[in-house]
């Protein structure tokens, strides 16, 4: 199965983690991120507008690779697939959720925060994972310590990652990308300042 890390047309170091309150903002926001060099976009299923946002981006922003985040149930997997998501991200995982994500046929990143969870996923044949919440769960030192005993596991750290801390994560051999929200400041989203979002996305893509 294709890895989430391989979905973007070129190596993209940052996945914007987007919370959309108004589906009308989805397309201009996605266009700004794509223009800034961040085509891999995770829309979190945390708001009533999220699925409509995924649907709109999938239909109207062909250069975007839109996925669904905060997927926590088999029903959520089905809804995300139906909306046109091209990848799935969960904050954690259970056997049932993992099975649903695998059966969807889409690339997926199940969330982990402990060594035992990583080992359990490797036993299931899954070697690409979301490390969440990255900063709270040990950050760069924790992931660095996993690289020796678990060299086949690769991670996308998300949760508290910033422009300042992202380079340290990306320097690790077991990190394929990072997820973040710093290119989506609340005041810019409230003002619909898509030019600023594009500028911050370009800065992130340059990492």
C-alpha atoms as a PDB file:
ATOM      1  CA  UNK A   1       0.000   0.000   0.000  1.00  0.00           C
ATOM      2  CA  UNK A   2       1.173   3.538  -0.774  1.00  0.00           C
ATOM      3  CA  UNK A   3       2.491   5.417   2.244  1.00  0.00           C
ATOM      4  CA  UNK A   4       1.149   8.822   3.238  1.00  0.00           C
ATOM      5  CA  UNK A   5       4.760   9.998   2.903  1.00  0.00           C
ATOM      6  CA  UNK A   6       4.652   9.147  -0.813  1.00  0.00           C
ATOM      7  CA  UNK A   7       1.394  10.906  -1.705  1.00  0.00           C
ATOM      8  CA  UNK A   8       2.745  14.369  -2.491  1.00  0.00           C
ATOM      9  CA  UNK A   9       4.214  14.898  -5.967  1.00  0.00           C
ATOM     10  CA  UNK A  10       7.518  15.963  -4.380  1.00  0.00           C
ATOM     11  CA  UNK A  11       9.018  15.530  -0.956  1.00  0.00           C
ATOM     12  CA  UNK A  12       6.876  17.731   1.301  1.00  0.00           C
ATOM     13  CA  UNK A  13       8.183  18.135   4.836  1.00  0.00           C
ATOM     14  CA  UNK A  14       5.053  19.592   6.453  1.00  0.00           C
ATOM     15  CA  UNK A  15       1.415  18.509   6.543  1.00  0.00           C
ATOM     16  CA  UNK A  16      -0.906  21.377   7.555  1.00  0.00           C
ATOM     17  CA  UNK A  17      -3.415  20.211  10.153  1.00  0.00           C
ATOM     18  CA  UNK A  18      -6.571  22.168   9.423  1.00  0.00           C
ATOM     19  CA  UNK A  19      -9.637  22.765  11.595  1.00  0.00           C
ATOM     20  CA  UNK A  20     -12.394  24.289   9.449  1.00  0.00           C
ATOM     21  CA  UNK A  21     -15.429  25.864  11.057  1.00  0.00           C
ATOM     22  CA  UNK A  22     -17.015  27.133   7.843  1.00  0.00           C
ATOM     23  CA  UNK A  23     -16.954  24.896   4.780  1.00  0.00           C
ATOM     24  CA  UNK A  24     -16.969  28.015   2.578  1.00  0.00           C
ATOM     25  CA  UNK A  25     -13.377  28.650   3.694  1.00  0.00           C
ATOM     26  CA  UNK A  26     -12.143  25.224   2.625  1.00  0.00           C
ATOM     27  CA  UNK A  27     -11.373  25.899  -1.028  1.00  0.00           C
ATOM     28  CA  UNK A  28      -9.598  29.274  -0.666  1.00  0.00           C
ATOM     29  CA  UNK A  29      -7.639  27.938   2.301  1.00  0.00           C
ATOM     30  CA  UNK A  30      -6.564  24.835   0.394  1.00  0.00           C
ATOM     31  CA  UNK A  31      -5.607  26.928  -2.632  1.00  0.00           C
ATOM     32  CA  UNK A  32      -3.429  29.141  -0.426  1.00  0.00           C
ATOM     33  CA  UNK A  33      -1.669  26.120   1.080  1.00  0.00           C
ATOM     34  CA  UNK A  34      -1.087  24.545  -2.331  1.00  0.00           C
ATOM     35  CA  UNK A  35       0.225  27.819  -3.731  1.00  0.00           C
ATOM     36  CA  UNK A  36       2.633  27.979  -0.807  1.00  0.00           C
ATOM     37  CA  UNK A  37       3.964  24.516  -1.570  1.00  0.00           C
ATOM     38  CA  UNK A  38       2.003  22.396   0.908  1.00  0.00           C
ATOM     39  CA  UNK A  39      -0.358  20.204  -1.151  1.00  0.00           C
ATOM     40  CA  UNK A  40      -0.804  17.469   1.473  1.00  0.00           C
ATOM     41  CA  UNK A  41      -3.634  18.781   3.685  1.00  0.00           C
ATOM     42  CA  UNK A  42      -5.137  17.058   6.724  1.00  0.00           C
ATOM     43  CA  UNK A  43      -8.646  18.282   7.542  1.00  0.00           C
ATOM     44  CA  UNK A  44      -9.522  17.214  11.071  1.00  0.00           C
ATOM     45  CA  UNK A  45     -12.971  15.759  11.686  1.00  0.00           C
ATOM     46  CA  UNK A  46     -13.523  17.982  14.710  1.00  0.00           C
ATOM     47  CA  UNK A  47     -16.238  20.266  13.368  1.00  0.00           C
ATOM     48  CA  UNK A  48     -19.630  19.797  11.684  1.00  0.00           C
ATOM     49  CA  UNK A  49     -18.162  21.428   8.557  1.00  0.00           C
ATOM     50  CA  UNK A  50     -15.215  19.052   8.230  1.00  0.00           C
ATOM     51  CA  UNK A  51     -16.676  16.476   5.837  1.00  0.00           C
ATOM     52  CA  UNK A  52     -18.126  19.181   3.586  1.00  0.00           C
ATOM     53  CA  UNK A  53     -14.686  20.826   3.619  1.00  0.00           C
ATOM     54  CA  UNK A  54     -13.000  17.581   2.540  1.00  0.00           C
ATOM     55  CA  UNK A  55     -15.612  17.149  -0.172  1.00  0.00           C
ATOM     56  CA  UNK A  56     -15.136  20.688  -1.490  1.00  0.00           C
ATOM     57  CA  UNK A  57     -11.333  20.489  -1.546  1.00  0.00           C
ATOM     58  CA  UNK A  58     -11.410  17.109  -3.276  1.00  0.00           C
ATOM     59  CA  UNK A  59     -13.759  18.458  -5.949  1.00  0.00           C
ATOM     60  CA  UNK A  60     -12.375  21.955  -6.519  1.00  0.00           C
ATOM     61  CA  UNK A  61      -8.641  21.930  -5.713  1.00  0.00           C
ATOM     62  CA  UNK A  62      -7.153  19.249  -7.954  1.00  0.00           C
ATOM     63  CA  UNK A  63      -3.570  19.965  -6.907  1.00  0.00           C
ATOM     64  CA  UNK A  64      -4.381  19.311  -3.256  1.00  0.00           C
ATOM     65  CA  UNK A  65      -4.062  15.884  -1.670  1.00  0.00           C
ATOM     66  CA  UNK A  66      -6.727  16.135   1.008  1.00  0.00           C
ATOM     67  CA  UNK A  67      -6.988  13.710   3.892  1.00  0.00           C
ATOM     68  CA  UNK A  68      -9.124  13.319   6.986  1.00  0.00           C
ATOM     69  CA  UNK A  69      -7.631  13.586  10.452  1.00  0.00           C
ATOM     70  CA  UNK A  70      -8.985  12.845  13.921  1.00  0.00           C
ATOM     71  CA  UNK A  71     -10.524   9.654  12.535  1.00  0.00           C
ATOM     72  CA  UNK A  72     -11.499   7.684  15.627  1.00  0.00           C
ATOM     73  CA  UNK A  73     -14.084   5.128  14.463  1.00  0.00           C
ATOM     74  CA  UNK A  74     -14.975   2.797  11.621  1.00  0.00           C
ATOM     75  CA  UNK A  75     -17.922   5.078  10.872  1.00  0.00           C
ATOM     76  CA  UNK A  76     -15.527   8.015  10.604  1.00  0.00           C
ATOM     77  CA  UNK A  77     -13.426   6.057   8.125  1.00  0.00           C
ATOM     78  CA  UNK A  78     -16.472   5.402   5.964  1.00  0.00           C
ATOM     79  CA  UNK A  79     -17.548   9.048   6.109  1.00  0.00           C
ATOM     80  CA  UNK A  80     -14.068  10.260   5.183  1.00  0.00           C
ATOM     81  CA  UNK A  81     -13.851   7.871   2.250  1.00  0.00           C
ATOM     82  CA  UNK A  82     -17.289   8.976   1.072  1.00  0.00           C
ATOM     83  CA  UNK A  83     -16.240  12.630   1.209  1.00  0.00           C
ATOM     84  CA  UNK A  84     -13.269  11.986  -1.049  1.00  0.00           C
ATOM     85  CA  UNK A  85     -10.397  11.838   1.444  1.00  0.00           C
ATOM     86  CA  UNK A  86      -7.204  10.423  -0.038  1.00  0.00           C
ATOM     87  CA  UNK A  87      -5.571   9.485   3.260  1.00  0.00           C
ATOM     88  CA  UNK A  88      -6.576   8.932   6.889  1.00  0.00           C
ATOM     89  CA  UNK A  89      -4.969  10.018  10.161  1.00  0.00           C
ATOM     90  CA  UNK A  90      -5.961   8.948  13.661  1.00  0.00           C
ATOM     91  CA  UNK A  91      -4.737  10.243  17.039  1.00  0.00           C
ATOM     92  CA  UNK A  92      -4.564   6.646  18.318  1.00  0.00           C
ATOM     93  CA  UNK A  93      -5.713   3.231  17.255  1.00  0.00           C
ATOM     94  CA  UNK A  94      -7.624   0.085  18.216  1.00  0.00           C
ATOM     95  CA  UNK A  95      -7.850  -3.206  16.381  1.00  0.00           C
ATOM     96  CA  UNK A  96     -11.255  -2.289  14.953  1.00  0.00           C
ATOM     97  CA  UNK A  97     -10.162   1.152  13.810  1.00  0.00           C
ATOM     98  CA  UNK A  98      -6.969  -0.215  12.293  1.00  0.00           C
ATOM     99  CA  UNK A  99      -8.967  -2.837  10.409  1.00  0.00           C
ATOM    100  CA  UNK A 100     -11.349  -0.211   9.025  1.00  0.00           C
ATOM    101  CA  UNK A 101      -8.509   2.022   7.890  1.00  0.00           C
ATOM    102  CA  UNK A 102      -6.748  -0.894   6.230  1.00  0.00           C
ATOM    103  CA  UNK A 103      -9.951  -2.057   4.508  1.00  0.00           C
ATOM    104  CA  UNK A 104     -10.545   1.460   3.134  1.00  0.00           C
ATOM    105  CA  UNK A 105      -7.656   0.972   0.727  1.00  0.00           C
ATOM    106  CA  UNK A 106      -6.355   4.453   1.543  1.00  0.00           C
ATOM    107  CA  UNK A 107      -2.935   5.262   3.004  1.00  0.00           C
ATOM    108  CA  UNK A 108      -3.284   5.843   6.733  1.00  0.00           C
ATOM    109  CA  UNK A 109      -1.320   7.039   9.747  1.00  0.00           C
ATOM    110  CA  UNK A 110      -2.438   5.488  13.040  1.00  0.00           C
ATOM    111  CA  UNK A 111      -1.399   7.497  16.065  1.00  0.00           C
ATOM    112  CA  UNK A 112       1.072   6.258  18.670  1.00  0.00           C
ATOM    113  CA  UNK A 113       2.730   7.730  21.739  1.00  0.00           C
ATOM    114  CA  UNK A 114       4.401   4.717  23.371  1.00  0.00           C
ATOM    115  CA  UNK A 115       6.977   2.116  22.379  1.00  0.00           C
ATOM    116  CA  UNK A 116       4.493  -0.706  22.947  1.00  0.00           C
ATOM    117  CA  UNK A 117       2.036   0.845  20.495  1.00  0.00           C
ATOM    118  CA  UNK A 118       4.786   1.114  17.896  1.00  0.00           C
ATOM    119  CA  UNK A 119       5.769  -2.537  18.365  1.00  0.00           C
ATOM    120  CA  UNK A 120       2.127  -3.606  18.168  1.00  0.00           C
ATOM    121  CA  UNK A 121       1.688  -1.810  14.839  1.00  0.00           C
ATOM    122  CA  UNK A 122       4.895  -3.283  13.452  1.00  0.00           C
ATOM    123  CA  UNK A 123       3.472  -6.708  14.347  1.00  0.00           C
ATOM    124  CA  UNK A 124       0.442  -5.780  12.228  1.00  0.00           C
ATOM    125  CA  UNK A 125       2.655  -4.883   9.274  1.00  0.00           C
ATOM    126  CA  UNK A 126       2.217  -1.127   9.714  1.00  0.00           C
ATOM    127  CA  UNK A 127       5.453   0.860   9.685  1.00  0.00           C
ATOM    128  CA  UNK A 128       4.267   4.440   9.082  1.00  0.00           C
ATOM    129  CA  UNK A 129       2.668   6.175  12.053  1.00  0.00           C
ATOM    130  CA  UNK A 130       1.617   9.497  13.514  1.00  0.00           C
ATOM    131  CA  UNK A 131       3.509  10.379  16.710  1.00  0.00           C
ATOM    132  CA  UNK A 132       0.987  12.284  18.832  1.00  0.00           C
ATOM    133  CA  UNK A 133       0.989  14.427  20.881  1.00  0.00           C
ATOM    134  CA  UNK A 134       4.587  14.894  19.815  1.00  0.00           C
ATOM    135  CA  UNK A 135       5.891  17.505  22.216  1.00  0.00           C
ATOM    136  CA  UNK A 136       3.925  16.252  25.214  1.00  0.00           C
ATOM    137  CA  UNK A 137       4.922  12.633  24.540  1.00  0.00           C
ATOM    138  CA  UNK A 138       8.669  13.235  24.546  1.00  0.00           C
ATOM    139  CA  UNK A 139       9.431  15.110  21.365  1.00  0.00           C
ATOM    140  CA  UNK A 140      12.688  14.815  19.473  1.00  0.00           C
ATOM    141  CA  UNK A 141      14.621  12.926  22.203  1.00  0.00           C
ATOM    142  CA  UNK A 142      11.920  10.257  22.399  1.00  0.00           C
ATOM    143  CA  UNK A 143      11.809   9.651  18.643  1.00  0.00           C
ATOM    144  CA  UNK A 144      15.593   9.664  18.469  1.00  0.00           C
ATOM    145  CA  UNK A 145      15.691   6.930  21.111  1.00  0.00           C
ATOM    146  CA  UNK A 146      13.299   4.766  19.061  1.00  0.00           C
ATOM    147  CA  UNK A 147      15.429   4.842  15.914  1.00  0.00           C
ATOM    148  CA  UNK A 148      17.943   2.308  17.266  1.00  0.00           C
ATOM    149  CA  UNK A 149      15.708  -0.538  18.466  1.00  0.00           C
ATOM    150  CA  UNK A 150      12.878   0.124  15.977  1.00  0.00           C
ATOM    151  CA  UNK A 151      14.598   1.285  12.772  1.00  0.00           C
ATOM    152  CA  UNK A 152      11.754   0.230  10.480  1.00  0.00           C
ATOM    153  CA  UNK A 153       9.168   2.545  12.063  1.00  0.00           C
ATOM    154  CA  UNK A 154       8.687   5.945  10.440  1.00  0.00           C
ATOM    155  CA  UNK A 155       6.783   8.808  11.975  1.00  0.00           C
ATOM    156  CA  UNK A 156       4.920  12.026  11.273  1.00  0.00           C
ATOM    157  CA  UNK A 157       5.143  13.940  14.586  1.00  0.00           C
ATOM    158  CA  UNK A 158       2.134  16.173  15.243  1.00  0.00           C
ATOM    159  CA  UNK A 159       1.080  18.136  18.303  1.00  0.00           C
ATOM    160  CA  UNK A 160       2.991  21.177  19.481  1.00  0.00           C
ATOM    161  CA  UNK A 161       5.394  21.153  16.538  1.00  0.00           C
ATOM    162  CA  UNK A 162       6.422  24.664  15.469  1.00  0.00           C
ATOM    163  CA  UNK A 163       8.504  26.336  12.789  1.00  0.00           C
ATOM    164  CA  UNK A 164      11.332  26.484  15.323  1.00  0.00           C
ATOM    165  CA  UNK A 165      11.162  22.819  16.371  1.00  0.00           C
ATOM    166  CA  UNK A 166      10.303  21.254  13.012  1.00  0.00           C
ATOM    167  CA  UNK A 167      13.903  21.145  11.674  1.00  0.00           C
ATOM    168  CA  UNK A 168      15.047  19.042  14.648  1.00  0.00           C
ATOM    169  CA  UNK A 169      12.279  16.518  13.967  1.00  0.00           C
ATOM    170  CA  UNK A 170      12.965  16.462  10.236  1.00  0.00           C
ATOM    171  CA  UNK A 171      16.657  15.765  10.859  1.00  0.00           C
ATOM    172  CA  UNK A 172      15.799  12.396  12.438  1.00  0.00           C
ATOM    173  CA  UNK A 173      16.177   9.331  10.204  1.00  0.00           C
ATOM    174  CA  UNK A 174      12.807   7.923  11.318  1.00  0.00           C
ATOM    175  CA  UNK A 175      10.760  11.067  10.565  1.00  0.00           C
ATOM    176  CA  UNK A 176       9.163  11.399   7.134  1.00  0.00           C
ATOM    177  CA  UNK A 177       7.304  14.666   7.721  1.00  0.00           C
ATOM    178  CA  UNK A 178       5.769  16.744  10.500  1.00  0.00           C
ATOM    179  CA  UNK A 179       2.220  17.926  11.019  1.00  0.00           C
ATOM    180  CA  UNK A 180       1.510  21.418  12.245  1.00  0.00           C
ATOM    181  CA  UNK A 181      -0.811  24.366  12.529  1.00  0.00           C
ATOM    182  CA  UNK A 182       1.629  27.258  12.790  1.00  0.00           C
ATOM    183  CA  UNK A 183       1.026  28.280   9.160  1.00  0.00           C
ATOM    184  CA  UNK A 184      -2.672  28.649  10.037  1.00  0.00           C
ATOM    185  CA  UNK A 185      -2.777  31.331  12.775  1.00  0.00           C
ATOM    186  CA  UNK A 186      -6.305  31.893  14.107  1.00  0.00           C
ATOM    187  CA  UNK A 187      -6.264  35.618  13.371  1.00  0.00           C
ATOM    188  CA  UNK A 188      -5.347  35.012   9.723  1.00  0.00           C
ATOM    189  CA  UNK A 189      -8.125  32.433   9.371  1.00  0.00           C
ATOM    190  CA  UNK A 190     -10.648  34.724  11.053  1.00  0.00           C
ATOM    191  CA  UNK A 191      -9.700  37.536   8.672  1.00  0.00           C
ATOM    192  CA  UNK A 192      -9.597  35.146   5.702  1.00  0.00           C
ATOM    193  CA  UNK A 193      -6.113  36.451   5.006  1.00  0.00           C
ATOM    194  CA  UNK A 194      -5.218  33.771   2.475  1.00  0.00           C
ATOM    195  CA  UNK A 195      -2.161  35.699   1.280  1.00  0.00           C
ATOM    196  CA  UNK A 196      -0.658  35.429   4.746  1.00  0.00           C
ATOM    197  CA  UNK A 197      -1.479  31.715   4.888  1.00  0.00           C
ATOM    198  CA  UNK A 198       0.243  31.239   1.540  1.00  0.00           C
ATOM    199  CA  UNK A 199       3.324  33.105   2.770  1.00  0.00           C
ATOM    200  CA  UNK A 200       3.548  31.035   5.957  1.00  0.00           C
ATOM    201  CA  UNK A 201       3.018  27.847   3.949  1.00  0.00           C
ATOM    202  CA  UNK A 202       5.887  28.792   1.649  1.00  0.00           C
ATOM    203  CA  UNK A 203       8.109  29.338   4.694  1.00  0.00           C
ATOM    204  CA  UNK A 204       7.143  25.902   6.042  1.00  0.00           C
ATOM    205  CA  UNK A 205       7.674  24.196   2.689  1.00  0.00           C
ATOM    206  CA  UNK A 206      11.201  25.604   2.564  1.00  0.00           C
ATOM    207  CA  UNK A 207      12.153  23.456   5.570  1.00  0.00           C
END
